[in-house]
Amino acid sequence: MFFRSYYVVRGGLISYGYDARDQFRRGAGYVDRILKGEKPANLPVQAPTKYELVVNLKTAKALGLEVPPSLLARADEVIE
């Protein structure tokens, strides 16, 4: 189990974690507000809002595991 899809693409079994690209996009809004003069102390703390589930079926097969169809249906990406 990993927190980034990077590891699953390279052979890991499954990952569930925040979408890093979305975090960078949201961070750009903070930079914009700071450059326009807003104090960083006045900016709210934001938690990730978008998470992604990635499953590698090739690895599951190599390990002899059967991934439930309900999990595959919820996955954002399935690597075959």
N, C-alpha and C. Protein backbone atom coordinates (compact mmCIF):
# COMPACT_ATOMS: atom_id res chain seq x y z
N MET A 1 0.85 -1.17 0.00
CA MET A 1 0.00 0.00 0.00
C MET A 1 0.89 1.23 0.00
N PHE A 2 0.63 2.12 -0.93
CA PHE A 2 1.42 3.33 -1.07
C PHE A 2 0.51 4.55 -1.02
N PHE A 3 1.11 5.72 -0.82
CA PHE A 3 0.32 6.95 -0.78
C PHE A 3 0.39 7.72 -2.09
N ARG A 4 1.21 7.28 -3.03
CA ARG A 4 1.33 7.94 -4.33
C ARG A 4 1.20 6.92 -5.45
N SER A 5 0.53 7.31 -6.52
CA SER A 5 0.33 6.41 -7.66
C SER A 5 1.65 6.12 -8.38
N TYR A 6 2.64 6.97 -8.18
CA TYR A 6 3.97 6.79 -8.77
C TYR A 6 4.49 5.37 -8.52
N TYR A 7 4.32 4.90 -7.30
CA TYR A 7 4.85 3.59 -6.93
C TYR A 7 4.05 2.44 -7.56
N VAL A 8 2.77 2.64 -7.73
CA VAL A 8 1.93 1.60 -8.32
C VAL A 8 2.22 1.47 -9.81
N VAL A 9 2.43 2.58 -10.47
CA VAL A 9 2.77 2.56 -11.90
C VAL A 9 4.06 1.77 -12.10
N ARG A 10 4.94 1.79 -11.12
CA ARG A 10 6.23 1.11 -11.22
C ARG A 10 6.23 -0.28 -10.57
N GLY A 11 5.04 -0.82 -10.27
CA GLY A 11 4.97 -2.19 -9.79
C GLY A 11 4.33 -2.42 -8.45
N GLY A 12 3.99 -1.36 -7.72
CA GLY A 12 3.32 -1.54 -6.43
C GLY A 12 1.90 -2.06 -6.63
N LEU A 13 1.30 -2.54 -5.58
CA LEU A 13 -0.03 -3.15 -5.67
C LEU A 13 -1.15 -2.11 -5.69
N ILE A 14 -1.15 -1.21 -4.73
CA ILE A 14 -2.27 -0.28 -4.60
C ILE A 14 -1.81 1.01 -3.93
N SER A 15 -2.45 2.11 -4.29
CA SER A 15 -2.15 3.37 -3.63
C SER A 15 -3.44 4.13 -3.39
N TYR A 16 -3.45 4.87 -2.30
CA TYR A 16 -4.57 5.76 -1.98
C TYR A 16 -3.97 6.97 -1.30
N GLY A 17 -4.14 8.12 -1.91
CA GLY A 17 -3.59 9.33 -1.33
C GLY A 17 -4.09 10.55 -2.08
N TYR A 18 -3.67 11.70 -1.60
CA TYR A 18 -4.11 12.94 -2.22
C TYR A 18 -3.52 13.10 -3.61
N ASP A 19 -4.23 13.85 -4.43
CA ASP A 19 -3.79 14.13 -5.80
C ASP A 19 -2.78 15.28 -5.74
N ALA A 20 -1.50 14.98 -5.95
CA ALA A 20 -0.44 15.98 -5.83
C ALA A 20 -0.61 17.12 -6.84
N ARG A 21 -1.05 16.81 -8.05
CA ARG A 21 -1.25 17.86 -9.06
C ARG A 21 -2.30 18.86 -8.60
N ASP A 22 -3.36 18.36 -7.99
CA ASP A 22 -4.40 19.24 -7.48
C ASP A 22 -3.85 20.13 -6.37
N GLN A 23 -3.02 19.58 -5.51
CA GLN A 23 -2.41 20.37 -4.43
C GLN A 23 -1.53 21.49 -4.98
N PHE A 24 -0.76 21.19 -6.03
CA PHE A 24 0.09 22.22 -6.62
C PHE A 24 -0.76 23.33 -7.24
N ARG A 25 -1.85 22.94 -7.91
CA ARG A 25 -2.74 23.94 -8.50
C ARG A 25 -3.34 24.83 -7.42
N ARG A 26 -3.76 24.23 -6.33
CA ARG A 26 -4.34 25.01 -5.24
C ARG A 26 -3.29 25.89 -4.57
N GLY A 27 -2.06 25.40 -4.51
CA GLY A 27 -0.97 26.19 -3.94
C GLY A 27 -0.68 27.44 -4.74
N ALA A 28 -0.89 27.37 -6.04
CA ALA A 28 -0.67 28.54 -6.90
C ALA A 28 -1.60 29.68 -6.50
N GLY A 29 -2.79 29.35 -6.04
CA GLY A 29 -3.72 30.39 -5.56
C GLY A 29 -3.16 31.11 -4.34
N TYR A 30 -2.49 30.38 -3.48
CA TYR A 30 -1.85 30.99 -2.31
C TYR A 30 -0.75 31.95 -2.75
N VAL A 31 0.08 31.50 -3.67
CA VAL A 31 1.17 32.34 -4.17
C VAL A 31 0.61 33.62 -4.77
N ASP A 32 -0.45 33.50 -5.55
CA ASP A 32 -1.08 34.66 -6.16
C ASP A 32 -1.56 35.65 -5.10
N ARG A 33 -2.22 35.14 -4.07
CA ARG A 33 -2.73 36.02 -3.02
C ARG A 33 -1.60 36.70 -2.25
N ILE A 34 -0.51 35.98 -2.00
CA ILE A 34 0.63 36.57 -1.30
C ILE A 34 1.29 37.65 -2.15
N LEU A 35 1.46 37.37 -3.45
CA LEU A 35 2.07 38.36 -4.33
C LEU A 35 1.20 39.61 -4.48
N LYS A 36 -0.08 39.48 -4.24
CA LYS A 36 -0.99 40.64 -4.30
C LYS A 36 -1.06 41.38 -2.97
N GLY A 37 -0.26 40.92 -1.98
CA GLY A 37 -0.14 41.66 -0.74
C GLY A 37 -0.80 41.05 0.48
N GLU A 38 -1.48 39.96 0.35
CA GLU A 38 -2.12 39.34 1.51
C GLU A 38 -1.06 38.70 2.40
N LYS A 39 -1.24 38.81 3.70
CA LYS A 39 -0.28 38.23 4.64
C LYS A 39 -0.49 36.72 4.73
N PRO A 40 0.59 35.96 4.67
CA PRO A 40 0.46 34.49 4.76
C PRO A 40 -0.25 34.04 6.03
N ALA A 41 -0.10 34.76 7.12
CA ALA A 41 -0.74 34.39 8.37
C ALA A 41 -2.26 34.47 8.28
N ASN A 42 -2.78 35.25 7.33
CA ASN A 42 -4.22 35.40 7.18
C ASN A 42 -4.84 34.36 6.25
N LEU A 43 -4.01 33.55 5.62
CA LEU A 43 -4.52 32.54 4.69
C LEU A 43 -4.94 31.30 5.47
N PRO A 44 -6.08 30.72 5.11
CA PRO A 44 -6.53 29.53 5.82
C PRO A 44 -5.71 28.29 5.45
N VAL A 45 -5.64 27.36 6.37
CA VAL A 45 -4.99 26.08 6.10
C VAL A 45 -5.98 25.24 5.30
N GLN A 46 -5.51 24.63 4.24
CA GLN A 46 -6.39 23.82 3.41
C GLN A 46 -5.91 22.38 3.41
N ALA A 47 -6.83 21.49 3.64
CA ALA A 47 -6.54 20.07 3.57
C ALA A 47 -6.84 19.58 2.15
N PRO A 48 -6.21 18.51 1.73
CA PRO A 48 -6.52 17.97 0.40
C PRO A 48 -8.01 17.64 0.29
N THR A 49 -8.56 17.86 -0.89
CA THR A 49 -9.97 17.57 -1.12
C THR A 49 -10.15 16.49 -2.19
N LYS A 50 -9.10 16.20 -2.93
CA LYS A 50 -9.20 15.22 -4.00
C LYS A 50 -8.21 14.09 -3.70
N TYR A 51 -8.73 12.88 -3.61
CA TYR A 51 -7.92 11.70 -3.37
C TYR A 51 -8.06 10.75 -4.55
N GLU A 52 -7.04 9.91 -4.75
CA GLU A 52 -7.10 8.97 -5.87
C GLU A 52 -6.70 7.57 -5.40
N LEU A 53 -7.40 6.59 -5.97
CA LEU A 53 -7.15 5.18 -5.70
C LEU A 53 -6.65 4.54 -7.00
N VAL A 54 -5.48 3.91 -6.94
CA VAL A 54 -4.89 3.27 -8.11
C VAL A 54 -4.56 1.82 -7.75
N VAL A 55 -4.95 0.91 -8.65
CA VAL A 55 -4.74 -0.53 -8.43
C VAL A 55 -3.95 -1.10 -9.61
N ASN A 56 -2.95 -1.92 -9.31
CA ASN A 56 -2.15 -2.57 -10.33
C ASN A 56 -2.55 -4.05 -10.37
N LEU A 57 -3.34 -4.42 -11.39
CA LEU A 57 -3.81 -5.81 -11.51
C LEU A 57 -2.69 -6.77 -11.88
N LYS A 58 -1.70 -6.27 -12.59
CA LYS A 58 -0.56 -7.11 -12.98
C LYS A 58 0.18 -7.59 -11.72
N THR A 59 0.39 -6.69 -10.78
CA THR A 59 1.06 -7.05 -9.53
C THR A 59 0.17 -7.97 -8.70
N ALA A 60 -1.13 -7.69 -8.67
CA ALA A 60 -2.05 -8.55 -7.92
C ALA A 60 -2.00 -9.97 -8.45
N LYS A 61 -1.99 -10.12 -9.75
CA LYS A 61 -1.92 -11.46 -10.36
C LYS A 61 -0.61 -12.14 -10.00
N ALA A 62 0.51 -11.40 -10.05
CA ALA A 62 1.82 -11.98 -9.71
C ALA A 62 1.87 -12.45 -8.26
N LEU A 63 1.10 -11.78 -7.38
CA LEU A 63 1.07 -12.15 -5.97
C LEU A 63 -0.01 -13.20 -5.67
N GLY A 64 -0.80 -13.52 -6.67
CA GLY A 64 -1.86 -14.50 -6.48
C GLY A 64 -3.07 -13.93 -5.75
N LEU A 65 -3.29 -12.64 -5.87
CA LEU A 65 -4.40 -11.98 -5.19
C LEU A 65 -5.54 -11.71 -6.15
N GLU A 66 -6.75 -11.81 -5.64
CA GLU A 66 -7.92 -11.46 -6.43
C GLU A 66 -8.47 -10.15 -5.88
N VAL A 67 -8.55 -9.14 -6.73
CA VAL A 67 -9.04 -7.83 -6.32
C VAL A 67 -10.55 -7.81 -6.50
N PRO A 68 -11.30 -7.48 -5.45
CA PRO A 68 -12.76 -7.47 -5.56
C PRO A 68 -13.25 -6.46 -6.61
N PRO A 69 -14.27 -6.84 -7.36
CA PRO A 69 -14.82 -5.93 -8.38
C PRO A 69 -15.29 -4.60 -7.80
N SER A 70 -15.77 -4.61 -6.57
CA SER A 70 -16.23 -3.37 -5.94
C SER A 70 -15.08 -2.39 -5.74
N LEU A 71 -13.88 -2.89 -5.46
CA LEU A 71 -12.71 -2.03 -5.32
C LEU A 71 -12.28 -1.49 -6.68
N LEU A 72 -12.31 -2.34 -7.68
CA LEU A 72 -11.95 -1.90 -9.03
C LEU A 72 -12.92 -0.84 -9.55
N ALA A 73 -14.19 -0.95 -9.18
CA ALA A 73 -15.19 0.03 -9.61
C ALA A 73 -14.94 1.39 -8.99
N ARG A 74 -14.37 1.42 -7.80
CA ARG A 74 -14.10 2.67 -7.11
C ARG A 74 -12.76 3.29 -7.50
N ALA A 75 -11.90 2.51 -8.14
CA ALA A 75 -10.56 2.98 -8.46
C ALA A 75 -10.59 4.09 -9.52
N ASP A 76 -9.72 5.07 -9.34
CA ASP A 76 -9.58 6.14 -10.33
C ASP A 76 -8.77 5.66 -11.53
N GLU A 77 -7.87 4.71 -11.27
CA GLU A 77 -7.05 4.14 -12.34
C GLU A 77 -6.77 2.68 -12.02
N VAL A 78 -6.88 1.84 -13.05
CA VAL A 78 -6.56 0.42 -12.92
C VAL A 78 -5.49 0.11 -13.96
N ILE A 79 -4.36 -0.39 -13.49
CA ILE A 79 -3.25 -0.74 -14.38
C ILE A 79 -3.33 -2.23 -14.65
N GLU A 80 -3.43 -2.58 -15.93
CA GLU A 80 -3.60 -4.01 -16.29
C GLU A 80 -2.34 -4.59 -16.86
